[in-house]
Each structure stands twice: as C-alpha cells, then as structure tokens.
N, C-alpha and C. Protein backbone atom coordinates (compact mmCIF):
# COMPACT_ATOMS: atom_id res chain seq x y z
N UNK A 1 47.93 -4.38 58.55
CA UNK A 1 46.86 -3.64 58.02
C UNK A 1 47.17 -3.06 56.41
N UNK A 2 48.40 -2.58 56.12
CA UNK A 2 48.78 -1.88 55.32
C UNK A 2 48.75 -3.02 53.98
N UNK A 3 49.45 -3.90 54.17
CA UNK A 3 49.75 -5.33 53.21
C UNK A 3 48.41 -5.92 52.61
N UNK A 4 47.47 -5.82 53.69
CA UNK A 4 46.05 -6.25 53.20
C UNK A 4 45.51 -5.49 52.15
N UNK A 5 45.83 -3.99 52.67
CA UNK A 5 45.05 -3.38 51.49
C UNK A 5 45.71 -3.14 49.85
N UNK A 6 46.97 -3.42 50.22
CA UNK A 6 48.09 -3.77 48.74
C UNK A 6 47.39 -4.79 48.16
N UNK A 7 47.31 -6.08 48.98
CA UNK A 7 46.73 -7.33 48.24
C UNK A 7 45.21 -7.31 47.66
N UNK A 8 44.74 -6.53 48.40
CA UNK A 8 43.25 -6.31 47.77
C UNK A 8 43.22 -5.24 46.57
N UNK A 9 43.86 -4.18 46.71
CA UNK A 9 44.29 -3.61 45.42
C UNK A 9 44.80 -4.46 43.95
N UNK A 10 45.65 -5.18 44.47
CA UNK A 10 46.28 -6.02 43.47
C UNK A 10 45.14 -6.76 42.72
N UNK A 11 44.40 -7.43 43.81
CA UNK A 11 43.03 -8.46 43.34
C UNK A 11 42.28 -7.73 42.24
N UNK A 12 42.19 -6.33 42.47
CA UNK A 12 41.07 -5.76 41.98
C UNK A 12 41.75 -5.32 40.64
N UNK A 13 43.03 -4.91 40.83
CA UNK A 13 43.45 -4.55 39.23
C UNK A 13 43.21 -5.75 38.51
N UNK A 14 43.55 -7.02 39.04
CA UNK A 14 43.56 -8.42 38.44
C UNK A 14 42.44 -8.50 37.70
N UNK A 15 41.17 -8.36 38.57
CA UNK A 15 39.75 -8.83 37.97
C UNK A 15 39.54 -7.51 36.90
N UNK A 16 39.88 -6.49 37.05
CA UNK A 16 39.66 -5.49 35.94
C UNK A 16 40.41 -5.59 34.84
N UNK A 17 41.71 -6.20 34.84
CA UNK A 17 42.22 -6.19 33.70
C UNK A 17 41.42 -7.63 32.69
N UNK A 18 41.09 -8.53 33.85
CA UNK A 18 40.64 -9.77 32.99
C UNK A 18 39.15 -9.63 32.48
N UNK A 19 38.36 -8.58 33.38
CA UNK A 19 37.42 -7.99 32.43
C UNK A 19 37.28 -7.35 31.20
N UNK A 20 38.35 -6.54 31.00
CA UNK A 20 38.75 -5.67 29.88
C UNK A 20 39.05 -6.92 28.66
N UNK A 21 40.12 -7.86 29.07
CA UNK A 21 40.29 -8.85 28.23
C UNK A 21 39.26 -9.60 27.43
N UNK A 22 38.15 -10.12 28.86
CA UNK A 22 37.29 -10.80 27.88
C UNK A 22 36.38 -9.89 27.52
N UNK A 23 35.68 -8.75 27.47
CA UNK A 23 35.25 -7.61 26.75
C UNK A 23 36.09 -7.59 25.28
N UNK A 24 37.13 -7.91 25.24
CA UNK A 24 37.64 -7.57 23.73
C UNK A 24 37.45 -8.90 23.03
N UNK A 25 37.61 -10.27 23.97
CA UNK A 25 37.14 -11.61 23.17
C UNK A 25 35.79 -11.61 22.77
N UNK A 26 34.95 -10.95 23.80
CA UNK A 26 33.53 -10.90 23.20
C UNK A 26 33.37 -10.01 22.28
N UNK A 27 34.05 -9.15 22.09
CA UNK A 27 33.61 -7.69 21.14
C UNK A 27 34.04 -8.55 19.83
N UNK A 28 35.20 -9.22 19.61
CA UNK A 28 36.19 -9.80 18.34
C UNK A 28 34.81 -10.74 17.81
N UNK A 29 34.33 -11.99 19.03
CA UNK A 29 33.53 -13.04 18.33
C UNK A 29 32.31 -12.22 17.90
N UNK A 30 31.93 -11.53 18.45
CA UNK A 30 30.36 -10.88 18.26
C UNK A 30 30.70 -10.15 16.84
N UNK A 31 31.69 -9.58 16.42
CA UNK A 31 31.80 -8.88 15.25
C UNK A 31 32.00 -9.85 14.09
N UNK A 32 32.29 -11.16 14.74
CA UNK A 32 32.64 -12.07 13.70
C UNK A 32 31.16 -12.77 13.11
N UNK A 33 30.57 -12.56 14.18
CA UNK A 33 29.13 -13.55 14.42
C UNK A 33 27.63 -12.77 13.61
N UNK A 34 28.28 -11.53 13.04
CA UNK A 34 27.03 -10.52 12.85
C UNK A 34 26.27 -11.43 11.65
N UNK A 35 24.89 -11.54 11.39
CA UNK A 35 24.30 -12.25 10.25
C UNK A 35 23.98 -10.91 9.39
N UNK A 36 23.24 -11.34 8.36
CA UNK A 36 23.20 -10.34 7.54
C UNK A 36 21.89 -9.01 7.83
N UNK A 37 21.03 -9.38 8.89
CA UNK A 37 20.35 -8.53 9.57
C UNK A 37 21.16 -7.42 10.54
N UNK A 38 22.42 -7.75 10.98
CA UNK A 38 22.99 -7.35 12.15
C UNK A 38 22.87 -7.42 13.28
N UNK A 39 22.54 -8.86 13.55
CA UNK A 39 21.95 -9.44 14.72
C UNK A 39 23.30 -10.29 14.96
N UNK A 40 23.57 -10.43 16.41
CA UNK A 40 24.29 -11.30 16.98
C UNK A 40 24.01 -12.81 17.08
N UNK A 41 24.40 -13.66 16.48
CA UNK A 41 24.02 -15.25 16.59
C UNK A 41 24.07 -15.69 18.23
N UNK A 42 23.46 -16.31 18.84
CA UNK A 42 23.70 -16.93 20.12
C UNK A 42 25.69 -17.41 20.19
N UNK A 43 25.85 -17.44 21.27
CA UNK A 43 27.17 -17.85 21.58
C UNK A 43 27.19 -19.20 21.80
N UNK A 44 28.20 -20.04 21.04
CA UNK A 44 28.24 -21.41 21.60
C UNK A 44 28.81 -21.58 23.13
N UNK A 45 28.17 -22.75 23.38
CA UNK A 45 28.81 -22.96 25.03
C UNK A 45 30.11 -23.26 25.10
N UNK A 46 30.82 -23.67 24.25
CA UNK A 46 32.03 -24.09 24.53
C UNK A 46 32.87 -22.45 24.43
N UNK A 47 32.49 -21.45 23.62
CA UNK A 47 33.02 -20.60 24.08
C UNK A 47 32.85 -19.25 25.03
N UNK A 48 31.63 -20.04 25.34
CA UNK A 48 31.05 -19.38 26.76
C UNK A 48 31.76 -19.85 27.94
N UNK A 49 31.80 -21.11 28.10
CA UNK A 49 32.71 -21.50 29.05
C UNK A 49 33.99 -21.38 28.78
N UNK A 50 34.57 -20.90 27.93
CA UNK A 50 36.30 -20.75 28.08
C UNK A 50 36.11 -19.29 28.54
N UNK A 51 35.28 -18.23 27.92
CA UNK A 51 35.65 -17.07 28.43
C UNK A 51 35.24 -16.92 30.21
N UNK A 52 34.20 -17.60 30.61
CA UNK A 52 34.05 -17.41 31.96
C UNK A 52 35.42 -18.08 32.60
N UNK A 53 35.82 -18.95 32.33
CA UNK A 53 37.16 -19.42 32.67
C UNK A 53 38.26 -18.42 32.74
N UNK A 54 38.37 -17.42 31.94
CA UNK A 54 39.25 -16.68 31.59
C UNK A 54 39.01 -15.47 32.93
N UNK A 55 37.73 -15.29 33.03
CA UNK A 55 37.18 -14.13 34.10
C UNK A 55 37.74 -15.00 35.46
N UNK A 56 37.41 -15.97 35.46
CA UNK A 56 37.57 -16.38 37.03
C UNK A 56 39.03 -16.76 37.08
N UNK A 57 39.93 -17.12 36.59
CA UNK A 57 41.28 -18.08 36.34
C UNK A 57 42.52 -16.83 35.57
N UNK A 58 42.01 -15.83 35.12
CA UNK A 58 43.13 -15.23 34.09
C UNK A 58 43.12 -15.81 33.06
N UNK A 59 44.05 -16.06 32.40
CA UNK A 59 44.51 -16.47 30.82
C UNK A 59 44.90 -17.86 31.26
N UNK A 60 44.01 -18.63 30.24
CA UNK A 60 43.75 -19.85 30.32
C UNK A 60 44.32 -20.59 29.12
C-alpha cells in the first residue's frame, strides 16, 4: 500500500512539472505572437500538437 502511494505522488509531481513547463512554453510563444493591438494570434496546429505531446509524454 505504501509503495502505491509513493508512485501516485511521483506521477502527480511529474504531471505538475509538465504543466509548468507547458505554461512556460505557451507564455513565451504568446509574447512573441502579440500583434499591434496587444491581442494574441491563434496558435498554429503543429505547435498546439507539440505542447499536447509535452503534457502527455513529458519532454519530447
């Protein structure tokens, strides 16, 4: 039972770390994509797919 709890904790930590990394990638991309009105352009599908992959599998 104790071992299962440790594994769940590790998985939860990994998910959290991946979420932070994904947010950092998204923030950097959005800052680069602001137009003259300060709005963010739509994200290209390939980048969206890459970030989903990072969330699901960790670093690709």
